[in-house]
Each structure stands twice: as C-alpha cells, then as structure tokens.
C-alpha atoms as a PDB file:
ATOM      1  CA  MET A   1       0.000   0.000   0.000  1.00  0.00           C
ATOM      2  CA  VAL A   2       1.151   3.544  -0.781  1.00  0.00           C
ATOM      3  CA  GLU A   3       0.198   6.504   1.410  1.00  0.00           C
ATOM      4  CA  ARG A   4       0.423  10.006  -0.015  1.00  0.00           C
ATOM      5  CA  ILE A   5       0.689  12.997   2.320  1.00  0.00           C
ATOM      6  CA  GLU A   6      -0.140  16.610   1.415  1.00  0.00           C
ATOM      7  CA  ILE A   7      -1.130  16.256  -2.218  1.00  0.00           C
ATOM      8  CA  SER A   8      -1.006  19.700  -3.745  1.00  0.00           C
ATOM      9  CA  LYS A   9      -0.453  21.662  -6.900  1.00  0.00           C
ATOM     10  CA  THR A  10       2.400  23.837  -5.672  1.00  0.00           C
ATOM     11  CA  ASP A  11       3.728  26.334  -8.202  1.00  0.00           C
ATOM     12  CA  GLY A  12       1.872  24.443 -10.941  1.00  0.00           C
ATOM     13  CA  ALA A  13       3.302  20.984 -10.157  1.00  0.00           C
ATOM     14  CA  LEU A  14       0.908  18.262  -8.969  1.00  0.00           C
ATOM     15  CA  LYS A  15       2.751  16.310  -6.292  1.00  0.00           C
ATOM     16  CA  SER A  16       2.665  14.627  -2.908  1.00  0.00           C
ATOM     17  CA  MET A  17       4.942  16.225  -0.365  1.00  0.00           C
ATOM     18  CA  ALA A  18       5.531  12.769   1.132  1.00  0.00           C
ATOM     19  CA  VAL A  19       4.983   9.225  -0.112  1.00  0.00           C
ATOM     20  CA  VAL A  20       5.130   6.252   2.246  1.00  0.00           C
ATOM     21  CA  HIS A  21       5.494   2.632   1.150  1.00  0.00           C
ATOM     22  CA  ASN A  22       5.973  -0.071   3.763  1.00  0.00           C
ATOM     23  CA  ASP A  23       8.484   1.568   6.116  1.00  0.00           C
ATOM     24  CA  MET A  24      10.092   3.883   3.540  1.00  0.00           C
ATOM     25  CA  VAL A  25       9.326   7.631   3.490  1.00  0.00           C
ATOM     26  CA  PHE A  26      10.129   9.798   0.469  1.00  0.00           C
ATOM     27  CA  LEU A  27       9.848  13.593   0.694  1.00  0.00           C
ATOM     28  CA  SER A  28       9.531  15.839  -2.341  1.00  0.00           C
ATOM     29  CA  GLY A  29      11.751  18.847  -2.777  1.00  0.00           C
ATOM     30  CA  VAL A  30      11.135  20.908   0.357  1.00  0.00           C
ATOM     31  CA  HIS A  31      11.760  24.638   0.230  1.00  0.00           C
ATOM     32  CA  ALA A  32      10.794  27.634   2.326  1.00  0.00           C
ATOM     33  CA  THR A  33       7.357  29.166   1.907  1.00  0.00           C
ATOM     34  CA  ASP A  34       8.660  32.491   3.223  1.00  0.00           C
ATOM     35  CA  THR A  35      11.431  33.228   0.754  1.00  0.00           C
ATOM     36  CA  SER A  36      12.048  36.756   2.030  1.00  0.00           C
ATOM     37  CA  GLY A  37      14.597  35.463   4.553  1.00  0.00           C
ATOM     38  CA  ASP A  38      18.293  34.796   4.158  1.00  0.00           C
ATOM     39  CA  ILE A  39      19.807  31.343   3.698  1.00  0.00           C
ATOM     40  CA  LYS A  40      19.775  30.586   7.436  1.00  0.00           C
ATOM     41  CA  GLU A  41      16.114  31.498   7.797  1.00  0.00           C
ATOM     42  CA  GLN A  42      15.139  29.515   4.690  1.00  0.00           C
ATOM     43  CA  THR A  43      17.182  26.516   5.868  1.00  0.00           C
ATOM     44  CA  ARG A  44      15.495  26.593   9.288  1.00  0.00           C
ATOM     45  CA  GLU A  45      12.075  26.598   7.618  1.00  0.00           C
ATOM     46  CA  VAL A  46      13.060  23.732   5.315  1.00  0.00           C
ATOM     47  CA  LEU A  47      14.237  21.638   8.269  1.00  0.00           C
ATOM     48  CA  GLN A  48      11.065  22.435  10.236  1.00  0.00           C
ATOM     49  CA  LYS A  49       8.982  21.316   7.244  1.00  0.00           C
ATOM     50  CA  ILE A  50      11.018  18.115   6.978  1.00  0.00           C
ATOM     51  CA  ASP A  51      10.375  17.421  10.678  1.00  0.00           C
ATOM     52  CA  ARG A  52       6.636  18.041  10.224  1.00  0.00           C
ATOM     53  CA  LEU A  53       6.355  15.861   7.117  1.00  0.00           C
ATOM     54  CA  LEU A  54       8.332  13.035   8.702  1.00  0.00           C
ATOM     55  CA  GLU A  55       6.143  13.200  11.806  1.00  0.00           C
ATOM     56  CA  SER A  56       3.051  12.988   9.581  1.00  0.00           C
ATOM     57  CA  ALA A  57       4.537   9.826   8.070  1.00  0.00           C
ATOM     58  CA  GLY A  58       5.362   8.292  11.452  1.00  0.00           C
ATOM     59  CA  SER A  59       9.071   9.052  11.317  1.00  0.00           C
ATOM     60  CA  ASP A  60      11.576  11.669  12.492  1.00  0.00           C
ATOM     61  CA  HIS A  61      14.884  13.180  11.408  1.00  0.00           C
ATOM     62  CA  LYS A  62      16.860  10.543  13.319  1.00  0.00           C
ATOM     63  CA  SER A  63      15.508   8.022  10.787  1.00  0.00           C
ATOM     64  CA  ILE A  64      16.739   9.751   7.629  1.00  0.00           C
ATOM     65  CA  PHE A  65      18.851   7.662   5.255  1.00  0.00           C
ATOM     66  CA  VAL A  66      19.850  10.378   2.801  1.00  0.00           C
ATOM     67  CA  VAL A  67      19.268  14.069   2.075  1.00  0.00           C
ATOM     68  CA  HIS A  68      19.981  15.765  -1.239  1.00  0.00           C
ATOM     69  CA  ILE A  69      20.376  19.532  -0.844  1.00  0.00           C
ATOM     70  CA  TRP A  70      20.339  22.076  -3.649  1.00  0.00           C
ATOM     71  CA  LEU A  71      21.637  25.587  -3.020  1.00  0.00           C
ATOM     72  CA  LYS A  72      21.079  28.547  -5.298  1.00  0.00           C
ATOM     73  CA  ASP A  73      24.757  29.381  -4.839  1.00  0.00           C
ATOM     74  CA  MET A  74      27.608  27.543  -3.104  1.00  0.00           C
ATOM     75  CA  ARG A  75      28.474  30.785  -1.297  1.00  0.00           C
ATOM     76  CA  TYR A  76      25.563  29.810   0.998  1.00  0.00           C
ATOM     77  CA  PHE A  77      27.168  26.478   1.948  1.00  0.00           C
ATOM     78  CA  GLY A  78      28.754  27.563   5.255  1.00  0.00           C
ATOM     79  CA  ALA A  79      25.677  29.406   6.529  1.00  0.00           C
ATOM     80  CA  MET A  80      23.359  26.550   5.515  1.00  0.00           C
ATOM     81  CA  ASN A  81      25.709  24.040   7.168  1.00  0.00           C
ATOM     82  CA  SER A  82      25.698  25.962  10.460  1.00  0.00           C
ATOM     83  CA  VAL A  83      21.903  25.594  10.666  1.00  0.00           C
ATOM     84  CA  TRP A  84      22.050  21.982   9.450  1.00  0.00           C
ATOM     85  CA  ASN A  85      24.632  21.014  12.089  1.00  0.00           C
ATOM     86  CA  GLU A  86      22.397  22.374  14.874  1.00  0.00           C
ATOM     87  CA  TRP A  87      19.508  20.239  13.570  1.00  0.00           C
ATOM     88  CA  ALA A  88      21.184  16.993  12.532  1.00  0.00           C
ATOM     89  CA  ASP A  89      21.374  14.252  15.147  1.00  0.00           C
ATOM     90  CA  PRO A  90      25.116  13.757  15.846  1.00  0.00           C
ATOM     91  CA  ALA A  91      24.534  10.088  16.718  1.00  0.00           C
ATOM     92  CA  ASN A  92      22.518   9.430  13.540  1.00  0.00           C
ATOM     93  CA  PRO A  93      23.681  11.769  10.767  1.00  0.00           C
ATOM     94  CA  PRO A  94      22.254  10.866   7.363  1.00  0.00           C
ATOM     95  CA  ALA A  95      24.194  10.487   4.156  1.00  0.00           C
ATOM     96  CA  ARG A  96      24.059  13.863   2.400  1.00  0.00           C
ATOM     97  CA  THR A  97      24.895  15.538  -0.866  1.00  0.00           C
ATOM     98  CA  CYS A  98      24.902  19.253  -1.552  1.00  0.00           C
ATOM     99  CA  VAL A  99      25.076  20.810  -4.998  1.00  0.00           C
ATOM    100  CA  SER A 100      24.347  24.228  -6.416  1.00  0.00           C
ATOM    101  CA  GLY A 101      22.400  25.181  -9.466  1.00  0.00           C
ATOM    102  CA  GLU A 102      19.572  27.270 -10.762  1.00  0.00           C
ATOM    103  CA  LEU A 103      16.437  26.527  -8.759  1.00  0.00           C
ATOM    104  CA  TYR A 104      12.967  26.851 -10.253  1.00  0.00           C
ATOM    105  CA  ARG A 105      12.321  30.210  -8.558  1.00  0.00           C
ATOM    106  CA  SER A 106      14.895  32.946  -8.073  1.00  0.00           C
ATOM    107  CA  ASP A 107      13.819  33.630  -4.466  1.00  0.00           C
ATOM    108  CA  VAL A 108      14.314  30.005  -3.338  1.00  0.00           C
ATOM    109  CA  LEU A 109      17.808  29.677  -1.848  1.00  0.00           C
ATOM    110  CA  VAL A 110      17.712  26.034  -0.666  1.00  0.00           C
ATOM    111  CA  GLU A 111      15.711  22.900  -1.416  1.00  0.00           C
ATOM    112  CA  ALA A 112      16.016  19.401   0.066  1.00  0.00           C
ATOM    113  CA  VAL A 113      14.854  15.893  -0.881  1.00  0.00           C
ATOM    114  CA  VAL A 114      14.721  13.264   1.863  1.00  0.00           C
ATOM    115  CA  ILE A 115      14.531   9.475   2.045  1.00  0.00           C
ATOM    116  CA  ALA A 116      13.819   8.071   5.511  1.00  0.00           C
ATOM    117  CA  TYR A 117      12.265   5.080   7.213  1.00  0.00           C
ATOM    118  CA  ARG A 118       9.590   4.643   9.830  1.00  0.00           C
ATOM    119  CA  SER A 119      11.192   3.431  13.024  1.00  0.00           C
END
C-alpha cells in the first residue's frame, strides 16, 4: 500500500509532499514558503517542514537515510551548514549531498529531498 501525504499543486506541479510505502518515506523537494529570509532562515524553515512531514509519516529526522540539498549558490554552503549542524542528530547523521544550481524560482535559496524510514 502507498500513502500520499499533502497532495497539492504547488507552483503548478501536482505532487505529494511525502509518499510512504511499507516503512520507507520519500519527501519531495522541500523549500521555504517564506522566501524573504536569508539562507539561514530559509534553511530553518526547510528543516522544520522536513520534521513536520516526517512526523506525519510516522518518522523523524533521526531516521533519515539520505538528504539531497540544492543551493542557489555555493556561497551559501557555510551558513546553511551551520543551521544543518544544529539540527542533525550527531549520533545518527544521514548520508548527504549538496550541490548548487539554478532553482525553479529565483527567491528560493535552498531545497532538500529526503529518504527516511519509519522506526
């Protein structure tokens, strides 16, 4: 059985923000809703959204396998990492990649995709 959480048509794209199959949880690209903030503020919002979506799926950030992070510009890497390191569980850090590139909206500074499990 597949469970879909928060089906929406965000910025024109029909998607589920989370999909659960068996004990696997897949999160769509998560970005800040309030894009007026700097990279730290947007990163905090992204991580809060990830926590909320994982909780909705019966999981938490200690159960993340991998996170793929996209930054608008690699100059944001250090500031994003400082927020990330406060949030990540030091006993259970996930595998992680971080790349930069043009994101679909110019005001989005960071986006993350998550694969986790339900513990």
